[in-house]
């Protein structure tokens, strides 16, 4: 039988950058561990996609909150906005955002997982967003996000969402 060449990108996808020295579940075979790793990586990115889709819907508060643990920290302080702790504060924040904006859209790029260790993970990336407030103020932001995830009974959830300006902001964000 002929050797099958290793596809470089598949080897990268199947190898966690930092697994905390863990080899995974001792009862899992190497192939099962690699499959679990791929499934976890895909699930982590889906949580982020679901979050931004809910935000851009401007109405799906329950779907948005489903992305977070009940005690999550949502930190957009660097954008001149508040730090929210827990579902109720996050709900109040987004209810206000949805009520005060005409539209907003987020384009997410460069999602990368820097740590996947058991039931915890860390990811980073960038988001470009545009919004218009009911007061006519238009905003364009370029941000970097850092996310800490935790695996729960319901699947992966965001425990910490920290979004900071990737380039200097004007004062418009706080005026929305």
N, C-alpha and C. Protein backbone atom coordinates (compact mmCIF):
# COMPACT_ATOMS: atom_id res chain seq x y z
N UNK A 1 0.84 -1.18 0.00
CA UNK A 1 0.00 0.00 0.00
C UNK A 1 0.88 1.24 0.00
N UNK A 2 0.50 2.20 -0.79
CA UNK A 2 1.26 3.43 -0.94
C UNK A 2 1.04 4.35 0.27
N UNK A 3 2.12 5.01 0.73
CA UNK A 3 1.99 5.99 1.82
C UNK A 3 1.20 7.20 1.35
N UNK A 4 0.28 7.63 2.19
CA UNK A 4 -0.50 8.82 1.87
C UNK A 4 0.26 10.02 2.42
N UNK A 5 0.55 11.03 1.57
CA UNK A 5 1.30 12.19 2.08
C UNK A 5 0.45 12.98 3.08
N UNK A 6 1.12 13.57 4.04
CA UNK A 6 0.45 14.41 5.03
C UNK A 6 0.20 15.77 4.40
N UNK A 7 -1.04 16.22 4.50
CA UNK A 7 -1.39 17.54 4.00
C UNK A 7 -0.99 18.54 5.08
N UNK A 8 -0.09 19.49 4.81
CA UNK A 8 0.41 20.38 5.87
C UNK A 8 -0.68 21.12 6.64
N UNK A 9 -1.69 21.65 5.97
CA UNK A 9 -2.72 22.40 6.69
C UNK A 9 -3.53 21.48 7.59
N UNK A 10 -3.74 20.22 7.17
CA UNK A 10 -4.49 19.28 7.99
C UNK A 10 -3.70 18.92 9.24
N UNK A 11 -2.39 18.77 9.08
CA UNK A 11 -1.55 18.48 10.24
C UNK A 11 -1.64 19.63 11.24
N UNK A 12 -1.64 20.89 10.75
CA UNK A 12 -1.76 22.05 11.63
C UNK A 12 -3.12 22.07 12.32
N UNK A 13 -4.18 21.82 11.57
CA UNK A 13 -5.53 21.83 12.13
C UNK A 13 -5.66 20.79 13.23
N UNK A 14 -4.99 19.67 13.05
CA UNK A 14 -5.12 18.57 14.00
C UNK A 14 -4.19 18.69 15.20
N UNK A 15 -3.36 19.70 15.23
CA UNK A 15 -2.41 19.85 16.32
C UNK A 15 -2.72 21.12 17.10
N UNK A 16 -3.08 20.98 18.35
CA UNK A 16 -3.36 22.15 19.19
C UNK A 16 -2.06 22.88 19.46
N UNK A 17 -2.04 24.24 19.38
CA UNK A 17 -0.82 24.98 19.63
C UNK A 17 -0.34 24.84 21.07
N UNK A 18 -1.26 24.68 22.00
CA UNK A 18 -0.88 24.51 23.40
C UNK A 18 -1.97 23.69 24.06
N UNK A 19 -1.69 22.48 24.35
CA UNK A 19 -2.70 21.65 25.01
C UNK A 19 -2.41 21.48 26.49
N UNK A 20 -1.61 22.39 27.03
CA UNK A 20 -1.33 22.36 28.47
C UNK A 20 -0.60 21.10 28.90
N UNK A 21 0.10 20.47 27.99
CA UNK A 21 0.81 19.26 28.33
C UNK A 21 -0.09 18.03 28.40
N UNK A 22 -1.39 18.23 28.11
CA UNK A 22 -2.34 17.12 28.18
C UNK A 22 -2.39 16.40 26.84
N UNK A 23 -2.54 15.12 26.89
CA UNK A 23 -2.69 14.33 25.68
C UNK A 23 -4.17 14.05 25.42
N UNK A 24 -5.06 14.65 26.19
CA UNK A 24 -6.48 14.38 26.02
C UNK A 24 -6.92 13.26 26.93
N UNK A 25 -8.05 12.70 26.65
CA UNK A 25 -8.61 11.61 27.44
C UNK A 25 -7.74 10.37 27.24
N UNK A 26 -7.28 9.81 28.33
CA UNK A 26 -6.40 8.64 28.26
C UNK A 26 -7.07 7.46 27.58
N UNK A 27 -8.41 7.43 27.56
CA UNK A 27 -9.13 6.33 26.93
C UNK A 27 -9.33 6.54 25.44
N UNK A 28 -8.96 7.70 24.93
CA UNK A 28 -9.15 7.99 23.51
C UNK A 28 -7.92 7.58 22.72
N UNK A 29 -8.14 7.09 21.52
CA UNK A 29 -7.02 6.80 20.63
C UNK A 29 -6.52 8.12 20.06
N UNK A 30 -5.36 8.08 19.45
CA UNK A 30 -4.79 9.28 18.83
C UNK A 30 -5.75 9.85 17.80
N UNK A 31 -6.36 8.99 16.99
CA UNK A 31 -7.30 9.45 15.97
C UNK A 31 -8.53 10.09 16.62
N UNK A 32 -9.04 9.48 17.68
CA UNK A 32 -10.19 10.06 18.38
C UNK A 32 -9.84 11.43 18.96
N UNK A 33 -8.63 11.56 19.49
CA UNK A 33 -8.20 12.85 20.04
C UNK A 33 -8.12 13.90 18.94
N UNK A 34 -7.59 13.52 17.79
CA UNK A 34 -7.49 14.46 16.67
C UNK A 34 -8.88 14.87 16.17
N UNK A 35 -9.79 13.94 16.11
CA UNK A 35 -11.16 14.26 15.69
C UNK A 35 -11.81 15.18 16.71
N UNK A 36 -11.62 14.89 18.00
CA UNK A 36 -12.17 15.76 19.04
C UNK A 36 -11.60 17.17 18.94
N UNK A 37 -10.32 17.26 18.65
CA UNK A 37 -9.67 18.57 18.50
C UNK A 37 -10.30 19.35 17.36
N UNK A 38 -10.51 18.70 16.22
CA UNK A 38 -11.13 19.36 15.07
C UNK A 38 -12.56 19.79 15.41
N UNK A 39 -13.31 18.91 16.07
CA UNK A 39 -14.68 19.25 16.45
C UNK A 39 -14.71 20.43 17.43
N UNK A 40 -13.79 20.45 18.39
CA UNK A 40 -13.74 21.55 19.35
C UNK A 40 -13.41 22.86 18.66
N UNK A 41 -12.44 22.85 17.77
CA UNK A 41 -12.06 24.07 17.05
C UNK A 41 -13.23 24.60 16.23
N UNK A 42 -13.93 23.73 15.56
CA UNK A 42 -15.09 24.16 14.78
C UNK A 42 -16.19 24.71 15.69
N UNK A 43 -16.40 24.07 16.82
CA UNK A 43 -17.44 24.52 17.76
C UNK A 43 -17.09 25.89 18.34
N UNK A 44 -15.83 26.13 18.65
CA UNK A 44 -15.41 27.43 19.18
C UNK A 44 -15.68 28.54 18.17
N UNK A 45 -15.35 28.30 16.92
CA UNK A 45 -15.61 29.32 15.90
C UNK A 45 -17.11 29.52 15.69
N UNK A 46 -17.89 28.44 15.76
CA UNK A 46 -19.35 28.57 15.61
C UNK A 46 -19.95 29.45 16.72
N UNK A 47 -19.45 29.34 17.94
CA UNK A 47 -19.95 30.19 19.03
C UNK A 47 -19.74 31.65 18.67
N UNK A 48 -18.55 32.00 18.18
CA UNK A 48 -18.27 33.38 17.80
C UNK A 48 -19.16 33.82 16.64
N UNK A 49 -19.34 32.96 15.64
CA UNK A 49 -20.22 33.29 14.51
C UNK A 49 -21.65 33.51 14.98
N UNK A 50 -22.11 32.66 15.88
CA UNK A 50 -23.47 32.79 16.41
C UNK A 50 -23.62 34.11 17.17
N UNK A 51 -22.61 34.46 17.96
CA UNK A 51 -22.63 35.71 18.72
C UNK A 51 -22.78 36.91 17.76
N UNK A 52 -21.91 37.01 16.76
CA UNK A 52 -21.97 38.16 15.86
C UNK A 52 -23.23 38.16 15.02
N UNK A 53 -23.74 37.00 14.63
CA UNK A 53 -25.01 36.94 13.89
C UNK A 53 -26.15 37.45 14.77
N UNK A 54 -26.14 37.08 16.04
CA UNK A 54 -27.18 37.55 16.97
C UNK A 54 -27.07 39.06 17.17
N UNK A 55 -25.85 39.56 17.32
CA UNK A 55 -25.65 41.01 17.47
C UNK A 55 -26.16 41.73 16.23
N UNK A 56 -25.79 41.27 15.06
CA UNK A 56 -26.19 41.96 13.83
C UNK A 56 -27.67 41.81 13.51
N UNK A 57 -28.34 40.83 14.12
CA UNK A 57 -29.79 40.71 13.92
C UNK A 57 -30.52 41.85 14.62
N UNK A 58 -29.89 42.43 15.62
CA UNK A 58 -30.43 43.53 16.43
C UNK A 58 -31.72 43.17 17.14
N UNK A 59 -31.94 41.87 17.39
CA UNK A 59 -33.15 41.46 18.10
C UNK A 59 -33.00 40.15 18.87
N UNK A 60 -31.98 39.37 18.58
CA UNK A 60 -31.85 38.03 19.14
C UNK A 60 -31.07 38.05 20.46
N UNK A 61 -31.65 38.66 21.49
CA UNK A 61 -30.97 38.74 22.78
C UNK A 61 -30.77 37.36 23.41
N UNK A 62 -31.76 36.49 23.29
CA UNK A 62 -31.61 35.15 23.87
C UNK A 62 -30.52 34.36 23.17
N UNK A 63 -30.47 34.45 21.85
CA UNK A 63 -29.41 33.77 21.10
C UNK A 63 -28.04 34.31 21.44
N UNK A 64 -27.96 35.61 21.61
CA UNK A 64 -26.71 36.26 21.99
C UNK A 64 -26.26 35.76 23.36
N UNK A 65 -27.17 35.78 24.32
CA UNK A 65 -26.82 35.35 25.68
C UNK A 65 -26.46 33.87 25.75
N UNK A 66 -27.02 33.08 24.84
CA UNK A 66 -26.72 31.65 24.80
C UNK A 66 -25.24 31.39 24.51
N UNK A 67 -24.55 32.38 23.98
CA UNK A 67 -23.12 32.23 23.67
C UNK A 67 -22.24 32.39 24.91
N UNK A 68 -22.81 32.91 26.01
CA UNK A 68 -22.04 33.26 27.19
C UNK A 68 -22.40 32.38 28.39
N UNK A 69 -21.43 32.17 29.28
CA UNK A 69 -21.73 31.56 30.57
C UNK A 69 -22.56 32.56 31.37
N UNK A 70 -23.28 32.10 32.36
CA UNK A 70 -24.15 32.99 33.12
C UNK A 70 -23.35 34.05 33.89
N UNK A 71 -22.07 33.77 34.18
CA UNK A 71 -21.23 34.72 34.91
C UNK A 71 -20.18 35.38 34.02
N UNK A 72 -20.40 35.37 32.73
CA UNK A 72 -19.41 35.89 31.77
C UNK A 72 -19.11 37.36 32.00
N UNK A 73 -17.91 37.75 31.58
CA UNK A 73 -17.51 39.16 31.57
C UNK A 73 -17.42 39.59 30.11
N UNK A 74 -18.13 40.67 29.79
CA UNK A 74 -18.14 41.26 28.45
C UNK A 74 -17.50 42.64 28.59
N UNK A 75 -16.28 42.78 28.07
CA UNK A 75 -15.49 44.00 28.30
C UNK A 75 -15.24 44.74 26.99
N UNK A 76 -15.92 45.88 26.84
CA UNK A 76 -15.71 46.77 25.70
C UNK A 76 -15.31 48.16 26.20
N UNK A 77 -14.69 48.18 27.36
CA UNK A 77 -14.30 49.43 28.01
C UNK A 77 -13.34 50.25 27.16
N UNK A 78 -12.44 49.58 26.43
CA UNK A 78 -11.49 50.29 25.58
C UNK A 78 -12.19 51.08 24.47
N UNK A 79 -13.44 50.72 24.17
CA UNK A 79 -14.21 51.42 23.15
C UNK A 79 -15.05 52.54 23.75
N UNK A 80 -14.86 52.79 25.04
CA UNK A 80 -15.64 53.82 25.72
C UNK A 80 -16.99 53.33 26.18
N UNK A 81 -17.15 52.02 26.23
CA UNK A 81 -18.41 51.40 26.63
C UNK A 81 -18.18 50.63 27.93
N UNK A 82 -19.24 50.13 28.55
CA UNK A 82 -19.06 49.51 29.88
C UNK A 82 -18.52 48.08 29.85
N UNK A 83 -18.10 47.65 31.03
CA UNK A 83 -17.81 46.24 31.28
C UNK A 83 -19.09 45.66 31.87
N UNK A 84 -19.57 44.56 31.30
CA UNK A 84 -20.80 43.92 31.77
C UNK A 84 -20.43 42.57 32.38
N UNK A 85 -21.08 42.26 33.50
CA UNK A 85 -20.83 40.98 34.19
C UNK A 85 -22.13 40.23 34.33
N UNK A 86 -22.19 39.05 33.74
CA UNK A 86 -23.37 38.21 33.84
C UNK A 86 -24.43 38.53 32.79
N UNK A 87 -25.34 37.58 32.64
CA UNK A 87 -26.37 37.69 31.60
C UNK A 87 -27.22 38.95 31.71
N UNK A 88 -27.63 39.32 32.91
CA UNK A 88 -28.54 40.47 33.02
C UNK A 88 -27.88 41.77 32.57
N UNK A 89 -26.64 41.99 32.97
CA UNK A 89 -25.94 43.20 32.53
C UNK A 89 -25.69 43.18 31.03
N UNK A 90 -25.32 42.03 30.50
CA UNK A 90 -25.09 41.91 29.05
C UNK A 90 -26.41 42.14 28.32
N UNK A 91 -27.51 41.59 28.80
CA UNK A 91 -28.83 41.79 28.18
C UNK A 91 -29.19 43.28 28.17
N UNK A 92 -29.03 43.95 29.31
CA UNK A 92 -29.36 45.39 29.39
C UNK A 92 -28.52 46.20 28.41
N UNK A 93 -27.23 45.89 28.34
CA UNK A 93 -26.35 46.61 27.43
C UNK A 93 -26.83 46.47 25.99
N UNK A 94 -27.06 45.23 25.54
CA UNK A 94 -27.45 45.03 24.14
C UNK A 94 -28.87 45.50 23.86
N UNK A 95 -29.76 45.41 24.80
CA UNK A 95 -31.11 45.95 24.60
C UNK A 95 -30.99 47.45 24.31
N UNK A 96 -30.13 48.15 25.05
CA UNK A 96 -29.90 49.57 24.80
C UNK A 96 -29.25 49.83 23.46
N UNK A 97 -28.25 49.02 23.11
CA UNK A 97 -27.58 49.16 21.81
C UNK A 97 -28.59 48.97 20.68
N UNK A 98 -29.40 47.92 20.78
CA UNK A 98 -30.37 47.64 19.72
C UNK A 98 -31.40 48.77 19.60
N UNK A 99 -31.80 49.33 20.72
CA UNK A 99 -32.80 50.41 20.71
C UNK A 99 -32.23 51.70 20.13
N UNK A 100 -30.93 51.92 20.27
CA UNK A 100 -30.33 53.19 19.87
C UNK A 100 -29.64 53.18 18.52
N UNK A 101 -29.61 52.04 17.84
CA UNK A 101 -28.93 51.99 16.54
C UNK A 101 -29.90 51.64 15.42
N UNK A 102 -29.62 52.22 14.26
CA UNK A 102 -30.40 51.94 13.05
C UNK A 102 -29.92 50.63 12.43
N UNK A 103 -28.60 50.47 12.40
CA UNK A 103 -28.01 49.24 11.88
C UNK A 103 -26.61 49.10 12.47
N UNK A 104 -26.11 47.91 12.43
CA UNK A 104 -24.69 47.66 12.61
C UNK A 104 -24.36 46.33 11.96
N UNK A 105 -23.12 46.22 11.54
CA UNK A 105 -22.65 45.01 10.87
C UNK A 105 -21.21 44.77 11.29
N UNK A 106 -20.89 43.52 11.54
CA UNK A 106 -19.55 43.13 11.98
C UNK A 106 -18.95 42.14 10.98
N UNK A 107 -17.72 42.38 10.59
CA UNK A 107 -16.97 41.47 9.71
C UNK A 107 -15.80 40.93 10.53
N UNK A 108 -15.82 39.64 10.79
CA UNK A 108 -14.86 39.01 11.69
C UNK A 108 -13.77 38.34 10.85
N UNK A 109 -12.50 38.54 11.26
CA UNK A 109 -11.39 37.96 10.51
C UNK A 109 -10.35 37.37 11.46
N UNK A 110 -9.47 36.57 10.88
CA UNK A 110 -8.26 36.06 11.53
C UNK A 110 -8.53 35.31 12.83
N UNK A 111 -9.65 34.60 12.91
CA UNK A 111 -9.94 33.81 14.11
C UNK A 111 -8.85 32.76 14.27
N UNK A 112 -8.26 32.75 15.45
CA UNK A 112 -7.25 31.73 15.72
C UNK A 112 -7.31 31.32 17.19
N UNK A 113 -7.14 30.05 17.40
CA UNK A 113 -7.17 29.48 18.74
C UNK A 113 -5.73 29.38 19.21
N UNK A 114 -5.43 30.03 20.32
CA UNK A 114 -4.06 30.00 20.82
C UNK A 114 -3.87 28.94 21.91
N UNK A 115 -5.00 28.50 22.49
CA UNK A 115 -4.90 27.47 23.54
C UNK A 115 -6.19 26.66 23.54
N UNK A 116 -6.02 25.36 23.51
CA UNK A 116 -7.14 24.43 23.63
C UNK A 116 -6.67 23.32 24.55
N UNK A 117 -7.13 23.38 25.81
CA UNK A 117 -6.66 22.44 26.82
C UNK A 117 -7.87 21.91 27.59
N UNK A 118 -8.27 20.70 27.26
CA UNK A 118 -9.40 20.09 27.96
C UNK A 118 -10.67 20.88 27.73
N UNK A 119 -11.21 21.45 28.81
CA UNK A 119 -12.48 22.17 28.75
C UNK A 119 -12.31 23.68 28.72
N UNK A 120 -11.13 24.16 28.38
CA UNK A 120 -10.88 25.59 28.30
C UNK A 120 -10.15 25.90 27.00
N UNK A 121 -10.42 27.11 26.47
CA UNK A 121 -9.76 27.53 25.24
C UNK A 121 -9.65 29.04 25.23
N UNK A 122 -8.69 29.53 24.45
CA UNK A 122 -8.49 30.96 24.26
C UNK A 122 -8.36 31.21 22.76
N UNK A 123 -9.03 32.27 22.29
CA UNK A 123 -8.99 32.61 20.87
C UNK A 123 -8.85 34.12 20.71
N UNK A 124 -8.40 34.52 19.53
CA UNK A 124 -8.16 35.92 19.21
C UNK A 124 -8.54 36.17 17.75
N UNK A 125 -8.73 37.42 17.43
CA UNK A 125 -8.98 37.79 16.05
C UNK A 125 -9.31 39.27 15.95
N UNK A 126 -9.85 39.64 14.80
CA UNK A 126 -10.17 41.04 14.54
C UNK A 126 -11.60 41.16 14.04
N UNK A 127 -12.15 42.34 14.26
CA UNK A 127 -13.49 42.63 13.75
C UNK A 127 -13.49 44.07 13.23
N UNK A 128 -14.10 44.23 12.08
CA UNK A 128 -14.33 45.53 11.47
C UNK A 128 -15.83 45.75 11.55
N UNK A 129 -16.26 46.87 12.10
CA UNK A 129 -17.70 47.08 12.29
C UNK A 129 -18.10 48.49 11.87
N UNK A 130 -19.34 48.58 11.38
CA UNK A 130 -19.96 49.87 11.04
C UNK A 130 -21.31 49.91 11.73
N UNK A 131 -21.67 51.11 12.17
CA UNK A 131 -22.98 51.28 12.82
C UNK A 131 -23.45 52.71 12.61
N UNK A 132 -24.77 52.87 12.74
CA UNK A 132 -25.35 54.21 12.71
C UNK A 132 -26.37 54.30 13.84
N UNK A 133 -26.22 55.33 14.65
CA UNK A 133 -27.15 55.55 15.74
C UNK A 133 -28.42 56.25 15.24
N UNK A 134 -29.47 56.14 16.01
CA UNK A 134 -30.72 56.85 15.69
C UNK A 134 -30.52 58.35 15.69
N UNK A 135 -29.45 58.81 16.34
CA UNK A 135 -29.13 60.23 16.37
C UNK A 135 -28.33 60.68 15.15
N UNK A 136 -28.09 59.76 14.19
CA UNK A 136 -27.38 60.10 12.96
C UNK A 136 -25.88 59.91 13.01
N UNK A 137 -25.32 59.61 14.18
CA UNK A 137 -23.88 59.40 14.30
C UNK A 137 -23.51 58.07 13.65
N UNK A 138 -22.49 58.11 12.77
CA UNK A 138 -22.00 56.90 12.11
C UNK A 138 -20.64 56.56 12.67
N UNK A 139 -20.41 55.26 12.85
CA UNK A 139 -19.18 54.79 13.48
C UNK A 139 -18.57 53.68 12.65
N UNK A 140 -17.24 53.72 12.53
CA UNK A 140 -16.47 52.62 11.93
C UNK A 140 -15.38 52.28 12.94
N UNK A 141 -15.29 51.01 13.31
CA UNK A 141 -14.26 50.59 14.26
C UNK A 141 -13.52 49.37 13.72
N UNK A 142 -12.26 49.29 14.09
CA UNK A 142 -11.42 48.12 13.82
C UNK A 142 -10.94 47.66 15.18
N UNK A 143 -11.33 46.46 15.56
CA UNK A 143 -11.05 45.98 16.92
C UNK A 143 -10.35 44.62 16.90
N UNK A 144 -9.69 44.35 18.01
CA UNK A 144 -9.11 43.04 18.28
C UNK A 144 -9.93 42.43 19.41
N UNK A 145 -10.28 41.18 19.29
CA UNK A 145 -11.00 40.52 20.39
C UNK A 145 -10.14 39.38 20.95
N UNK A 146 -10.27 39.21 22.25
CA UNK A 146 -9.65 38.11 22.97
C UNK A 146 -10.78 37.41 23.71
N UNK A 147 -10.88 36.11 23.54
CA UNK A 147 -11.99 35.37 24.12
C UNK A 147 -11.46 34.19 24.92
N UNK A 148 -12.02 34.01 26.11
CA UNK A 148 -11.78 32.79 26.88
C UNK A 148 -13.07 31.98 26.84
N UNK A 149 -12.95 30.73 26.46
CA UNK A 149 -14.08 29.81 26.38
C UNK A 149 -13.98 28.76 27.48
N UNK A 150 -15.13 28.21 27.81
CA UNK A 150 -15.18 27.07 28.71
C UNK A 150 -16.23 26.10 28.17
N UNK A 151 -15.93 24.81 28.27
CA UNK A 151 -16.91 23.79 27.84
C UNK A 151 -17.89 23.58 28.99
N UNK A 152 -19.17 23.67 28.69
CA UNK A 152 -20.22 23.46 29.69
C UNK A 152 -21.05 22.25 29.28
N UNK A 153 -22.05 21.92 30.07
CA UNK A 153 -22.97 20.83 29.72
C UNK A 153 -23.68 21.12 28.40
N UNK A 154 -23.88 22.42 28.08
CA UNK A 154 -24.56 22.81 26.83
C UNK A 154 -23.60 23.01 25.67
N UNK A 155 -22.31 22.80 25.89
CA UNK A 155 -21.32 23.02 24.85
C UNK A 155 -20.41 24.18 25.21
N UNK A 156 -19.60 24.62 24.25
CA UNK A 156 -18.66 25.71 24.48
C UNK A 156 -19.40 27.03 24.67
N UNK A 157 -18.94 27.82 25.65
CA UNK A 157 -19.51 29.14 25.93
C UNK A 157 -18.37 30.13 26.16
N UNK A 158 -18.67 31.40 25.97
CA UNK A 158 -17.71 32.47 26.21
C UNK A 158 -17.75 32.83 27.69
N UNK A 159 -16.60 32.78 28.33
CA UNK A 159 -16.47 33.17 29.74
C UNK A 159 -15.97 34.62 29.84
N UNK A 160 -15.10 35.02 28.90
CA UNK A 160 -14.58 36.39 28.86
C UNK A 160 -14.50 36.83 27.41
N UNK A 161 -15.13 37.96 27.14
CA UNK A 161 -15.05 38.58 25.81
C UNK A 161 -14.47 39.96 26.01
N UNK A 162 -13.29 40.20 25.48
CA UNK A 162 -12.60 41.48 25.64
C UNK A 162 -12.30 42.03 24.25
N UNK A 163 -12.91 43.17 23.94
CA UNK A 163 -12.72 43.78 22.63
C UNK A 163 -12.06 45.13 22.81
N UNK A 164 -10.93 45.32 22.15
CA UNK A 164 -10.15 46.56 22.25
C UNK A 164 -9.95 47.14 20.86
N UNK A 165 -9.77 48.45 20.80
CA UNK A 165 -9.53 49.12 19.53
C UNK A 165 -8.19 48.66 18.95
N UNK A 166 -8.20 48.28 17.68
CA UNK A 166 -6.96 47.92 17.00
C UNK A 166 -6.29 49.17 16.44
N UNK A 167 -7.07 50.19 16.17
CA UNK A 167 -6.55 51.50 15.77
C UNK A 167 -7.27 52.54 16.62
N UNK A 168 -6.69 53.70 16.78
CA UNK A 168 -7.33 54.71 17.64
C UNK A 168 -8.75 55.05 17.18
N UNK A 169 -9.62 55.23 18.17
CA UNK A 169 -11.01 55.57 17.91
C UNK A 169 -11.22 57.06 18.08
N UNK A 170 -12.25 57.55 17.39
CA UNK A 170 -12.72 58.89 17.67
C UNK A 170 -13.73 58.77 18.81
N UNK A 171 -14.38 59.84 19.15
CA UNK A 171 -15.35 59.81 20.25
C UNK A 171 -16.73 59.32 19.85
N UNK A 172 -16.92 58.93 18.58
CA UNK A 172 -18.24 58.61 18.07
C UNK A 172 -18.89 57.41 18.75
N UNK A 173 -18.12 56.40 19.15
CA UNK A 173 -18.69 55.18 19.69
C UNK A 173 -19.56 55.50 20.90
N UNK A 174 -19.06 56.33 21.78
CA UNK A 174 -19.82 56.70 22.97
C UNK A 174 -21.02 57.59 22.68
N UNK A 175 -21.08 58.15 21.46
CA UNK A 175 -22.19 59.05 21.10
C UNK A 175 -23.38 58.30 20.52
N UNK A 176 -23.23 57.02 20.21
CA UNK A 176 -24.34 56.25 19.62
C UNK A 176 -25.52 56.17 20.57
